[in-house]
Amino acid sequence: MRRIWGSSLLAWLLCLLLVACATPQRLLPQDALKPTEPEWQGRLSLVIHSTPETALSAGFLLRGSAQQGAIDFYSPLGTTVTALRWSPQAALWLEGDQQHSFESLSRLTEKATGAALPIPQLFDWLEGRPVSVPGWQAELSGLQQGILVVRRTEPAPQVVLRIKLD
């Protein structure tokens, strides 16, 4: 009996390992994105130098454009933790079975991460275009190696967003 239990446990652990290695499932935005829209994926870390300091780190998949897009955030095991969706009509935060609606993408990112992030300009920066955003500085020199670092110096608190593309 004990040997059967051990074999069952081993089989269950093997299945769990295979599921953890699976490709993350993409959640689709409410309006389908154009297949020609660019997408980026990799890892990101966000540090908000507040008291207490806030730090987030996750795998991500960013698709679409500044006008209509989606970001999925993944755990280290590849499961979708949360997702952000936006269009001219809506800004949504999807978390499990819950959906939260916001009046703007800026307000959505502030609630989801703790800082209002310049998502529309993030598309430009990832494309290597040096657009200016008051209070934000983007270091585009590492893009050839798949690295983007963006810092907010004003208003306080300071925010640092690091992206490593796959």
Protein backbone atom coordinates (compact mmCIF):
# COMPACT_ATOMS: atom_id res chain seq x y z
CA MET A 1 0.00 0.00 0.00
CA ARG A 2 2.80 2.41 0.91
CA ARG A 3 4.56 1.70 -2.43
CA ILE A 4 1.38 2.57 -4.39
CA TRP A 5 1.01 5.81 -2.42
CA GLY A 6 4.63 6.71 -3.17
CA SER A 7 4.16 5.98 -6.89
CA SER A 8 1.00 8.10 -6.96
CA LEU A 9 2.79 10.96 -5.25
CA LEU A 10 5.69 10.71 -7.68
CA ALA A 11 3.29 10.74 -10.67
CA TRP A 12 1.44 13.74 -9.23
CA LEU A 13 4.71 15.65 -8.69
CA LEU A 14 5.80 14.86 -12.25
CA CYS A 15 2.49 16.21 -13.61
CA LEU A 16 2.89 19.34 -11.49
CA LEU A 17 6.40 19.87 -12.86
CA LEU A 18 5.19 19.49 -16.45
CA VAL A 19 2.38 22.00 -15.86
CA ALA A 20 4.84 24.48 -14.32
CA CYS A 21 7.01 24.27 -17.43
CA ALA A 22 4.10 24.92 -19.78
CA THR A 23 3.92 28.06 -21.84
CA PRO A 24 1.94 30.76 -20.02
CA GLN A 25 -1.65 31.07 -21.16
CA ARG A 26 -2.36 34.43 -22.76
CA LEU A 27 -5.48 36.21 -21.64
CA LEU A 28 -7.08 37.97 -24.57
CA PRO A 29 -8.23 41.56 -24.27
CA GLN A 30 -11.93 42.18 -24.72
CA ASP A 31 -11.33 43.60 -28.19
CA ALA A 32 -8.97 41.44 -30.23
CA LEU A 33 -5.60 43.05 -30.90
CA LYS A 34 -4.41 43.32 -34.47
CA PRO A 35 -2.05 40.44 -35.31
CA THR A 36 0.42 42.97 -36.72
CA GLU A 37 0.76 44.78 -33.38
CA PRO A 38 4.19 44.34 -31.78
CA GLU A 39 4.72 42.37 -28.60
CA TRP A 40 7.50 42.17 -26.05
CA GLN A 41 8.09 39.66 -23.33
CA GLY A 42 10.63 39.10 -20.63
CA ARG A 43 11.05 40.04 -16.98
CA LEU A 44 10.50 43.32 -15.27
CA SER A 45 11.17 44.75 -11.86
CA LEU A 46 9.61 47.85 -10.41
CA VAL A 47 11.00 49.54 -7.31
CA ILE A 48 9.16 52.43 -5.66
CA HIS A 49 11.46 54.20 -3.22
CA SER A 50 8.76 55.05 -0.70
CA THR A 51 8.50 54.32 3.01
CA PRO A 52 8.31 51.38 3.14
CA GLU A 53 9.96 50.60 -0.18
CA THR A 54 7.82 48.62 -2.64
CA ALA A 55 9.35 46.13 -5.06
CA LEU A 56 7.60 44.02 -7.69
CA SER A 57 9.11 41.48 -10.06
CA ALA A 58 7.39 39.35 -12.68
CA GLY A 59 7.53 37.87 -16.10
CA PHE A 60 5.45 39.86 -18.57
CA LEU A 61 3.98 39.92 -22.03
CA LEU A 62 3.16 43.36 -23.48
CA ARG A 63 1.09 43.54 -26.68
CA GLY A 64 -0.74 46.11 -28.71
CA SER A 65 -0.19 49.84 -28.75
CA ALA A 66 -0.51 52.92 -26.58
CA GLN A 67 -4.15 53.21 -27.66
CA GLN A 68 -5.21 49.58 -27.20
CA GLY A 69 -3.14 46.95 -25.53
CA ALA A 70 -2.55 44.37 -22.85
CA ILE A 71 0.06 43.38 -20.28
CA ASP A 72 0.00 39.95 -18.66
CA PHE A 73 2.13 39.38 -15.56
CA TYR A 74 3.37 35.86 -14.79
CA SER A 75 4.62 34.06 -11.70
CA PRO A 76 7.96 32.20 -11.83
CA LEU A 77 5.95 29.04 -12.64
CA GLY A 78 4.40 30.70 -15.70
CA THR A 79 0.87 31.19 -14.44
CA THR A 80 -0.89 34.49 -15.10
CA VAL A 81 -0.99 36.47 -11.86
CA THR A 82 -2.74 39.57 -13.13
CA ALA A 83 -3.46 41.33 -16.41
CA LEU A 84 -4.04 44.91 -17.53
CA ARG A 85 -6.16 45.80 -20.59
CA TRP A 86 -6.84 49.17 -22.14
CA SER A 87 -8.61 50.73 -25.08
CA PRO A 88 -10.07 54.18 -25.77
CA GLN A 89 -13.23 53.00 -23.98
CA ALA A 90 -11.83 51.22 -20.92
CA ALA A 91 -8.89 50.50 -18.62
CA LEU A 92 -9.22 47.14 -16.86
CA TRP A 93 -7.33 45.24 -14.19
CA LEU A 94 -8.05 41.50 -14.31
CA GLU A 95 -7.13 39.47 -11.27
CA GLY A 96 -8.44 35.93 -11.06
CA ASP A 97 -12.20 36.12 -11.55
CA GLN A 98 -12.30 39.80 -10.57
CA GLN A 99 -12.31 42.73 -12.99
CA HIS A 100 -11.68 46.32 -11.88
CA SER A 101 -12.41 49.25 -14.19
CA PHE A 102 -10.58 52.60 -14.13
CA GLU A 103 -11.08 55.97 -15.77
CA SER A 104 -7.57 56.01 -17.26
CA LEU A 105 -4.54 53.84 -17.94
CA SER A 106 -2.50 56.05 -15.62
CA ARG A 107 -4.91 55.46 -12.73
CA LEU A 108 -5.00 51.74 -13.53
CA THR A 109 -1.21 51.38 -13.34
CA GLU A 110 -1.11 53.44 -10.16
CA LYS A 111 -3.60 51.12 -8.46
CA ALA A 112 -2.01 47.93 -9.83
CA THR A 113 1.64 48.79 -9.12
CA GLY A 114 1.69 51.72 -6.69
CA ALA A 115 2.96 54.22 -9.30
CA ALA A 116 1.36 55.78 -12.38
CA LEU A 117 3.50 54.39 -15.19
CA PRO A 118 3.88 56.02 -18.63
CA ILE A 119 2.65 52.97 -20.57
CA PRO A 120 1.99 54.89 -23.84
CA GLN A 121 5.61 56.09 -23.88
CA LEU A 122 6.87 52.63 -22.91
CA PHE A 123 5.93 51.47 -26.42
CA ASP A 124 8.09 54.27 -27.90
CA TRP A 125 11.01 53.48 -25.60
CA LEU A 126 10.88 49.77 -26.43
CA GLU A 127 10.99 50.73 -30.12
CA GLY A 128 14.11 52.84 -29.37
CA ARG A 129 12.39 56.22 -29.77
CA PRO A 130 13.61 58.75 -27.16
CA VAL A 131 10.32 60.45 -26.26
CA SER A 132 10.23 62.89 -23.38
CA VAL A 133 7.95 62.53 -20.37
CA PRO A 134 8.13 65.12 -17.57
CA GLY A 135 9.80 63.57 -14.51
CA TRP A 136 10.83 60.36 -16.33
CA GLN A 137 14.17 59.38 -17.89
CA ALA A 138 14.63 56.35 -20.14
CA GLU A 139 18.02 54.76 -20.73
CA LEU A 140 17.78 53.37 -24.25
CA SER A 141 21.46 52.46 -24.62
CA GLY A 142 20.90 48.88 -23.41
CA LEU A 143 18.13 48.04 -25.88
CA GLN A 144 20.56 46.19 -28.19
CA GLN A 145 21.09 43.78 -25.28
CA GLY A 146 17.36 43.71 -24.48
CA ILE A 147 17.60 45.97 -21.43
CA LEU A 148 15.52 49.08 -20.76
CA VAL A 149 15.77 51.13 -17.56
CA VAL A 150 13.26 53.90 -16.87
CA ARG A 151 13.43 56.20 -13.83
CA ARG A 152 10.95 58.65 -12.38
CA THR A 153 12.65 61.40 -10.44
CA GLU A 154 9.63 63.69 -10.01
CA PRO A 155 7.23 63.67 -8.31
CA ALA A 156 8.48 61.75 -5.28
CA PRO A 157 8.85 58.92 -4.57
CA GLN A 158 11.50 57.87 -7.06
CA VAL A 159 10.47 54.92 -9.25
CA VAL A 160 12.79 52.57 -11.17
CA LEU A 161 11.43 50.22 -13.84
CA ARG A 162 13.87 47.66 -15.27
CA ILE A 163 12.94 45.48 -18.23
CA LYS A 164 14.92 42.53 -19.57
CA LEU A 165 13.51 41.30 -22.87
CA ASP A 166 13.66 37.65 -23.92
